[in-house]
Amino acid sequence: MPHVISGLCMREGGCAVVCPVECIVPGKPEEEWPWFYIDRDTCIDCGACAAQCPFNAIFPEDEVPSAYKAAGTERLSAPKGTEGFTEAYDGVNHDGEPVHLCCTRKLTAGEVIDLKPAIQTNADFFSKGPGYNA
């Protein structure tokens, strides 16, 4: 079962570095595809990416939660123009380079969200993502 990166992704990118089969790519253009994405046809389900992610954004596809309960420290990112995603996120990636996401929102403690749409978003990226170059 391949892994899936959810909207909890803040483009830290360490997941792509540790992937032994290089199946993880950053979305481009970033405003439309703000996460990293996993090619399900190449993923060998080793879990190295999930262990590396500081945001706990990566799940085996069959374990993506439909009722994720937020601790209150997380953010969700979304494509530009998504309603309710109006806060910018500024951080750094695994190389210490700046990361700027225009469209995020902070989750509140106890908030329950469905992360399962990430499965379809990931599939959409590889089927029609304009920035994906295999």
N, C-alpha and C. Protein backbone atom coordinates (compact mmCIF):
# COMPACT_ATOMS: atom_id res chain seq x y z
N MET A 1 0.86 -1.18 0.00
CA MET A 1 0.00 0.00 0.00
C MET A 1 0.90 1.24 0.00
N PRO A 2 0.77 2.13 -0.98
CA PRO A 2 1.61 3.33 -1.02
C PRO A 2 1.26 4.32 0.09
N HIS A 3 2.15 5.25 0.30
CA HIS A 3 1.92 6.31 1.27
C HIS A 3 1.32 7.53 0.57
N VAL A 4 0.70 8.41 1.37
CA VAL A 4 0.06 9.61 0.87
C VAL A 4 0.47 10.78 1.76
N ILE A 5 0.76 11.91 1.14
CA ILE A 5 1.07 13.13 1.89
C ILE A 5 -0.21 13.96 1.97
N SER A 6 -0.54 14.36 3.19
CA SER A 6 -1.79 15.09 3.43
C SER A 6 -1.57 16.60 3.45
N GLY A 7 -2.65 17.33 3.67
CA GLY A 7 -2.60 18.78 3.75
C GLY A 7 -1.83 19.31 4.94
N LEU A 8 -1.37 18.43 5.82
CA LEU A 8 -0.53 18.85 6.93
C LEU A 8 0.89 19.18 6.45
N CYS A 9 1.18 18.90 5.20
CA CYS A 9 2.50 19.12 4.60
C CYS A 9 2.81 20.61 4.51
N MET A 10 3.99 20.98 5.01
CA MET A 10 4.46 22.36 4.93
C MET A 10 5.74 22.45 4.10
N ARG A 11 5.91 21.52 3.15
CA ARG A 11 7.00 21.50 2.16
C ARG A 11 8.39 21.47 2.79
N GLU A 12 8.56 20.75 3.87
CA GLU A 12 9.87 20.63 4.51
C GLU A 12 10.82 19.85 3.61
N GLY A 13 10.33 18.83 2.91
CA GLY A 13 11.08 18.15 1.87
C GLY A 13 12.03 17.05 2.28
N GLY A 14 12.23 16.83 3.55
CA GLY A 14 13.11 15.74 3.97
C GLY A 14 12.60 14.39 3.49
N CYS A 15 11.30 14.29 3.30
CA CYS A 15 10.70 13.04 2.82
C CYS A 15 11.27 12.64 1.47
N ALA A 16 11.43 13.61 0.58
CA ALA A 16 11.95 13.32 -0.77
C ALA A 16 13.41 12.89 -0.71
N VAL A 17 14.17 13.46 0.22
CA VAL A 17 15.59 13.14 0.35
C VAL A 17 15.80 11.70 0.80
N VAL A 18 14.96 11.22 1.72
CA VAL A 18 15.17 9.87 2.26
C VAL A 18 14.50 8.78 1.44
N CYS A 19 13.67 9.14 0.47
CA CYS A 19 12.97 8.13 -0.32
C CYS A 19 13.95 7.34 -1.18
N PRO A 20 14.04 6.02 -0.98
CA PRO A 20 15.02 5.22 -1.72
C PRO A 20 14.69 5.01 -3.19
N VAL A 21 13.44 5.27 -3.57
CA VAL A 21 13.05 5.08 -4.98
C VAL A 21 12.69 6.41 -5.66
N GLU A 22 12.95 7.52 -4.97
CA GLU A 22 12.75 8.86 -5.52
C GLU A 22 11.35 9.07 -6.10
N CYS A 23 10.35 8.64 -5.34
CA CYS A 23 8.97 8.76 -5.83
C CYS A 23 8.23 9.97 -5.27
N ILE A 24 8.93 10.85 -4.53
CA ILE A 24 8.30 12.01 -3.91
C ILE A 24 8.81 13.28 -4.58
N VAL A 25 7.86 14.10 -5.03
CA VAL A 25 8.22 15.33 -5.74
C VAL A 25 7.44 16.51 -5.18
N PRO A 26 8.03 17.71 -5.24
CA PRO A 26 7.28 18.90 -4.82
C PRO A 26 6.30 19.31 -5.90
N GLY A 27 5.14 19.78 -5.49
CA GLY A 27 4.16 20.25 -6.45
C GLY A 27 4.56 21.58 -7.06
N LYS A 28 4.28 21.74 -8.33
CA LYS A 28 4.54 22.99 -9.06
C LYS A 28 3.43 23.20 -10.06
N PRO A 29 2.94 24.39 -10.21
CA PRO A 29 3.29 25.58 -9.43
C PRO A 29 2.78 25.44 -7.99
N GLU A 30 3.58 25.95 -7.10
CA GLU A 30 3.34 25.79 -5.67
C GLU A 30 1.98 26.32 -5.22
N GLU A 31 1.49 27.38 -5.85
CA GLU A 31 0.20 27.96 -5.46
C GLU A 31 -0.96 27.00 -5.75
N GLU A 32 -0.79 26.14 -6.77
CA GLU A 32 -1.83 25.17 -7.12
C GLU A 32 -1.61 23.82 -6.45
N TRP A 33 -0.37 23.45 -6.24
CA TRP A 33 0.00 22.14 -5.70
C TRP A 33 0.98 22.36 -4.54
N PRO A 34 0.49 22.78 -3.35
CA PRO A 34 1.38 23.22 -2.27
C PRO A 34 2.13 22.13 -1.51
N TRP A 35 1.80 20.88 -1.71
CA TRP A 35 2.42 19.80 -0.95
C TRP A 35 3.52 19.14 -1.75
N PHE A 36 4.14 18.14 -1.13
CA PHE A 36 4.94 17.15 -1.86
C PHE A 36 3.96 16.02 -2.19
N TYR A 37 4.25 15.27 -3.23
CA TYR A 37 3.35 14.22 -3.71
C TYR A 37 4.11 12.94 -3.93
N ILE A 38 3.46 11.80 -3.67
CA ILE A 38 4.07 10.48 -3.79
C ILE A 38 3.46 9.75 -4.98
N ASP A 39 4.32 9.30 -5.87
CA ASP A 39 3.88 8.51 -7.02
C ASP A 39 3.54 7.10 -6.52
N ARG A 40 2.26 6.81 -6.47
CA ARG A 40 1.80 5.53 -5.89
C ARG A 40 2.30 4.33 -6.69
N ASP A 41 2.59 4.50 -7.99
CA ASP A 41 3.07 3.38 -8.80
C ASP A 41 4.52 3.05 -8.53
N THR A 42 5.25 3.98 -7.92
CA THR A 42 6.67 3.78 -7.64
C THR A 42 6.93 3.50 -6.16
N CYS A 43 6.08 4.00 -5.28
CA CYS A 43 6.25 3.85 -3.83
C CYS A 43 6.36 2.37 -3.45
N ILE A 44 7.37 2.06 -2.63
CA ILE A 44 7.57 0.68 -2.18
C ILE A 44 7.10 0.47 -0.75
N ASP A 45 6.43 1.48 -0.18
CA ASP A 45 5.83 1.37 1.15
C ASP A 45 6.86 1.10 2.25
N CYS A 46 8.02 1.73 2.13
CA CYS A 46 9.06 1.51 3.15
C CYS A 46 8.82 2.33 4.41
N GLY A 47 8.11 3.45 4.29
CA GLY A 47 7.81 4.29 5.44
C GLY A 47 8.89 5.27 5.83
N ALA A 48 9.99 5.32 5.09
CA ALA A 48 11.08 6.25 5.42
C ALA A 48 10.59 7.69 5.40
N CYS A 49 9.71 8.00 4.48
CA CYS A 49 9.19 9.37 4.36
C CYS A 49 8.39 9.76 5.59
N ALA A 50 7.53 8.89 6.04
CA ALA A 50 6.69 9.17 7.20
C ALA A 50 7.53 9.39 8.45
N ALA A 51 8.57 8.59 8.61
CA ALA A 51 9.45 8.73 9.77
C ALA A 51 10.21 10.06 9.74
N GLN A 52 10.47 10.58 8.56
CA GLN A 52 11.24 11.81 8.38
C GLN A 52 10.40 13.07 8.54
N CYS A 53 9.10 13.01 8.31
CA CYS A 53 8.25 14.20 8.25
C CYS A 53 8.04 14.83 9.64
N PRO A 54 8.50 16.08 9.81
CA PRO A 54 8.32 16.73 11.11
C PRO A 54 6.89 17.18 11.38
N PHE A 55 6.04 17.13 10.36
CA PHE A 55 4.65 17.57 10.49
C PHE A 55 3.68 16.39 10.60
N ASN A 56 4.20 15.17 10.57
CA ASN A 56 3.35 13.97 10.63
C ASN A 56 2.25 14.03 9.58
N ALA A 57 2.64 14.43 8.38
CA ALA A 57 1.69 14.62 7.29
C ALA A 57 1.54 13.40 6.39
N ILE A 58 2.33 12.35 6.62
CA ILE A 58 2.37 11.22 5.69
C ILE A 58 1.80 9.97 6.35
N PHE A 59 0.92 9.30 5.59
CA PHE A 59 0.24 8.11 6.09
C PHE A 59 0.24 7.02 5.02
N PRO A 60 0.23 5.73 5.44
CA PRO A 60 -0.08 4.70 4.46
C PRO A 60 -1.48 4.99 3.91
N GLU A 61 -1.68 4.75 2.64
CA GLU A 61 -2.95 5.12 2.00
C GLU A 61 -4.16 4.56 2.72
N ASP A 62 -4.07 3.35 3.22
CA ASP A 62 -5.23 2.75 3.90
C ASP A 62 -5.37 3.21 5.36
N GLU A 63 -4.48 4.11 5.81
CA GLU A 63 -4.55 4.62 7.18
C GLU A 63 -4.72 6.13 7.25
N VAL A 64 -4.98 6.78 6.11
CA VAL A 64 -5.21 8.22 6.14
C VAL A 64 -6.48 8.46 6.96
N PRO A 65 -6.39 9.26 8.02
CA PRO A 65 -7.54 9.40 8.90
C PRO A 65 -8.68 10.24 8.33
N SER A 66 -9.89 9.77 8.56
CA SER A 66 -11.07 10.55 8.19
C SER A 66 -11.52 11.41 9.36
N ALA A 67 -10.96 11.17 10.53
CA ALA A 67 -11.30 11.96 11.71
C ALA A 67 -10.01 12.25 12.49
N TYR A 68 -9.14 13.07 11.89
CA TYR A 68 -7.88 13.45 12.52
C TYR A 68 -8.18 14.50 13.58
N LYS A 69 -7.76 14.25 14.82
CA LYS A 69 -7.99 15.19 15.91
C LYS A 69 -6.73 16.02 16.11
N ALA A 70 -6.85 17.32 15.90
CA ALA A 70 -5.71 18.23 15.97
C ALA A 70 -5.27 18.49 17.40
N ALA A 71 -3.96 18.60 17.57
CA ALA A 71 -3.39 18.98 18.86
C ALA A 71 -3.43 20.49 19.04
N GLY A 72 -3.56 21.21 17.92
CA GLY A 72 -3.61 22.67 17.98
C GLY A 72 -2.33 23.33 17.53
N THR A 73 -1.34 22.54 17.15
CA THR A 73 -0.07 23.09 16.67
C THR A 73 0.07 22.94 15.16
N GLU A 74 -0.86 22.25 14.53
CA GLU A 74 -0.77 21.94 13.12
C GLU A 74 -1.36 23.03 12.24
N ARG A 75 -0.93 23.00 10.99
CA ARG A 75 -1.51 23.84 9.95
C ARG A 75 -1.92 22.94 8.80
N LEU A 76 -2.92 23.37 8.07
CA LEU A 76 -3.30 22.74 6.81
C LEU A 76 -2.92 23.70 5.70
N SER A 77 -2.42 23.17 4.60
CA SER A 77 -2.15 24.00 3.43
C SER A 77 -3.12 23.60 2.32
N ALA A 78 -3.38 24.55 1.45
CA ALA A 78 -4.34 24.32 0.36
C ALA A 78 -3.94 25.16 -0.84
N PRO A 79 -4.47 24.82 -2.01
CA PRO A 79 -4.19 25.65 -3.19
C PRO A 79 -4.71 27.07 -3.01
N LYS A 80 -4.07 28.00 -3.69
CA LYS A 80 -4.47 29.41 -3.66
C LYS A 80 -5.94 29.53 -4.04
N GLY A 81 -6.66 30.34 -3.26
CA GLY A 81 -8.07 30.56 -3.53
C GLY A 81 -9.00 29.66 -2.76
N THR A 82 -8.46 28.70 -2.00
CA THR A 82 -9.32 27.82 -1.21
C THR A 82 -9.92 28.60 -0.05
N GLU A 83 -11.23 28.57 0.05
CA GLU A 83 -11.93 29.32 1.08
C GLU A 83 -11.46 28.92 2.48
N GLY A 84 -11.19 29.93 3.31
CA GLY A 84 -10.79 29.71 4.69
C GLY A 84 -9.29 29.53 4.89
N PHE A 85 -8.53 29.48 3.82
CA PHE A 85 -7.09 29.31 3.90
C PHE A 85 -6.42 30.64 3.56
N THR A 86 -6.36 31.52 4.55
CA THR A 86 -5.92 32.89 4.32
C THR A 86 -4.63 33.27 5.05
N GLU A 87 -4.07 32.34 5.83
CA GLU A 87 -2.87 32.66 6.60
C GLU A 87 -1.63 32.18 5.85
N ALA A 88 -0.62 33.04 5.80
CA ALA A 88 0.65 32.65 5.19
C ALA A 88 1.46 31.84 6.20
N TYR A 89 2.25 30.93 5.69
CA TYR A 89 3.18 30.14 6.51
C TYR A 89 4.58 30.43 5.99
N ASP A 90 5.47 30.79 6.89
CA ASP A 90 6.87 30.97 6.55
C ASP A 90 7.70 30.08 7.45
N GLY A 91 8.45 29.19 6.85
CA GLY A 91 9.30 28.28 7.59
C GLY A 91 10.57 28.02 6.78
N VAL A 92 11.21 26.91 7.06
CA VAL A 92 12.41 26.51 6.32
C VAL A 92 12.30 25.04 5.95
N ASN A 93 12.93 24.67 4.85
CA ASN A 93 12.94 23.27 4.46
C ASN A 93 14.12 22.54 5.08
N HIS A 94 14.30 21.29 4.71
CA HIS A 94 15.36 20.46 5.30
C HIS A 94 16.76 20.99 5.01
N ASP A 95 16.90 21.84 4.00
CA ASP A 95 18.19 22.45 3.66
C ASP A 95 18.36 23.83 4.29
N GLY A 96 17.38 24.26 5.07
CA GLY A 96 17.45 25.57 5.69
C GLY A 96 17.01 26.70 4.78
N GLU A 97 16.47 26.35 3.61
CA GLU A 97 15.99 27.36 2.66
C GLU A 97 14.57 27.78 3.05
N PRO A 98 14.22 29.04 2.76
CA PRO A 98 12.89 29.51 3.14
C PRO A 98 11.77 28.79 2.40
N VAL A 99 10.68 28.57 3.12
CA VAL A 99 9.45 28.02 2.56
C VAL A 99 8.36 29.05 2.84
N HIS A 100 7.64 29.44 1.81
CA HIS A 100 6.51 30.36 1.98
C HIS A 100 5.29 29.72 1.32
N LEU A 101 4.28 29.49 2.11
CA LEU A 101 3.00 29.00 1.59
C LEU A 101 1.97 30.09 1.82
N CYS A 102 1.27 30.45 0.77
CA CYS A 102 0.33 31.58 0.86
C CYS A 102 -0.97 31.21 1.53
N CYS A 103 -1.33 29.93 1.47
CA CYS A 103 -2.69 29.57 1.85
C CYS A 103 -2.71 28.43 2.85
N THR A 104 -2.70 28.79 4.11
CA THR A 104 -2.78 27.80 5.17
C THR A 104 -3.81 28.27 6.19
N ARG A 105 -4.10 27.39 7.11
CA ARG A 105 -4.89 27.78 8.28
C ARG A 105 -4.44 26.92 9.45
N LYS A 106 -4.37 27.55 10.61
CA LYS A 106 -3.97 26.85 11.83
C LYS A 106 -5.16 26.08 12.37
N LEU A 107 -4.91 24.84 12.77
CA LEU A 107 -5.96 24.02 13.37
C LEU A 107 -6.05 24.33 14.86
N THR A 108 -7.23 24.24 15.39
CA THR A 108 -7.42 24.46 16.82
C THR A 108 -7.38 23.12 17.55
N ALA A 109 -6.96 23.15 18.79
CA ALA A 109 -6.88 21.93 19.59
C ALA A 109 -8.25 21.27 19.66
N GLY A 110 -8.28 20.00 19.36
CA GLY A 110 -9.52 19.23 19.41
C GLY A 110 -10.32 19.25 18.12
N GLU A 111 -9.96 20.12 17.18
CA GLU A 111 -10.65 20.18 15.89
C GLU A 111 -10.47 18.85 15.17
N VAL A 112 -11.53 18.34 14.59
CA VAL A 112 -11.48 17.07 13.87
C VAL A 112 -11.66 17.36 12.38
N ILE A 113 -10.71 16.85 11.59
CA ILE A 113 -10.76 17.08 10.15
C ILE A 113 -10.58 15.77 9.40
N ASP A 114 -11.08 15.75 8.20
CA ASP A 114 -10.97 14.59 7.32
C ASP A 114 -9.76 14.79 6.41
N LEU A 115 -8.75 13.95 6.54
CA LEU A 115 -7.56 14.04 5.69
C LEU A 115 -7.65 13.14 4.46
N LYS A 116 -8.70 12.33 4.37
CA LYS A 116 -8.83 11.38 3.25
C LYS A 116 -8.85 12.04 1.86
N PRO A 117 -9.35 13.27 1.71
CA PRO A 117 -9.28 13.88 0.37
C PRO A 117 -7.86 13.95 -0.20
N ALA A 118 -6.85 13.85 0.64
CA ALA A 118 -5.47 13.86 0.16
C ALA A 118 -5.19 12.71 -0.79
N ILE A 119 -5.88 11.60 -0.62
CA ILE A 119 -5.68 10.45 -1.51
C ILE A 119 -6.02 10.85 -2.94
N GLN A 120 -7.16 11.49 -3.13
CA GLN A 120 -7.57 11.92 -4.46
C GLN A 120 -6.70 13.06 -4.98
N THR A 121 -6.33 13.98 -4.09
CA THR A 121 -5.47 15.09 -4.50
C THR A 121 -4.15 14.57 -5.03
N ASN A 122 -3.58 13.59 -4.34
CA ASN A 122 -2.32 12.99 -4.79
C ASN A 122 -2.50 12.33 -6.16
N ALA A 123 -3.58 11.60 -6.34
CA ALA A 123 -3.85 10.95 -7.63
C ALA A 123 -4.04 12.00 -8.72
N ASP A 124 -4.75 13.08 -8.40
CA ASP A 124 -4.96 14.15 -9.38
C ASP A 124 -3.65 14.78 -9.80
N PHE A 125 -2.74 14.97 -8.86
CA PHE A 125 -1.45 15.57 -9.20
C PHE A 125 -0.73 14.77 -10.28
N PHE A 126 -0.71 13.47 -10.12
CA PHE A 126 0.01 12.63 -11.09
C PHE A 126 -0.76 12.42 -12.38
N SER A 127 -2.08 12.59 -12.34
CA SER A 127 -2.84 12.40 -13.58
C SER A 127 -2.97 13.68 -14.38
N LYS A 128 -2.97 14.84 -13.69
CA LYS A 128 -3.15 16.09 -14.43
C LYS A 128 -2.36 17.25 -13.88
N GLY A 129 -1.50 16.99 -12.93
CA GLY A 129 -0.71 18.07 -12.35
C GLY A 129 0.15 18.73 -13.40
N PRO A 130 -0.04 20.04 -13.60
CA PRO A 130 0.68 20.74 -14.67
C PRO A 130 2.18 20.85 -14.42
N GLY A 131 2.61 20.74 -13.17
CA GLY A 131 4.03 20.92 -12.89
C GLY A 131 4.79 19.62 -12.73
N TYR A 132 4.13 18.50 -12.85
CA TYR A 132 4.83 17.24 -12.63
C TYR A 132 5.59 16.83 -13.88
N ASN A 133 6.85 16.59 -13.71
CA ASN A 133 7.69 16.11 -14.81
C ASN A 133 8.40 14.85 -14.35
N ALA A 134 7.93 13.72 -14.79
CA ALA A 134 8.53 12.44 -14.38
C ALA A 134 9.92 12.28 -14.96
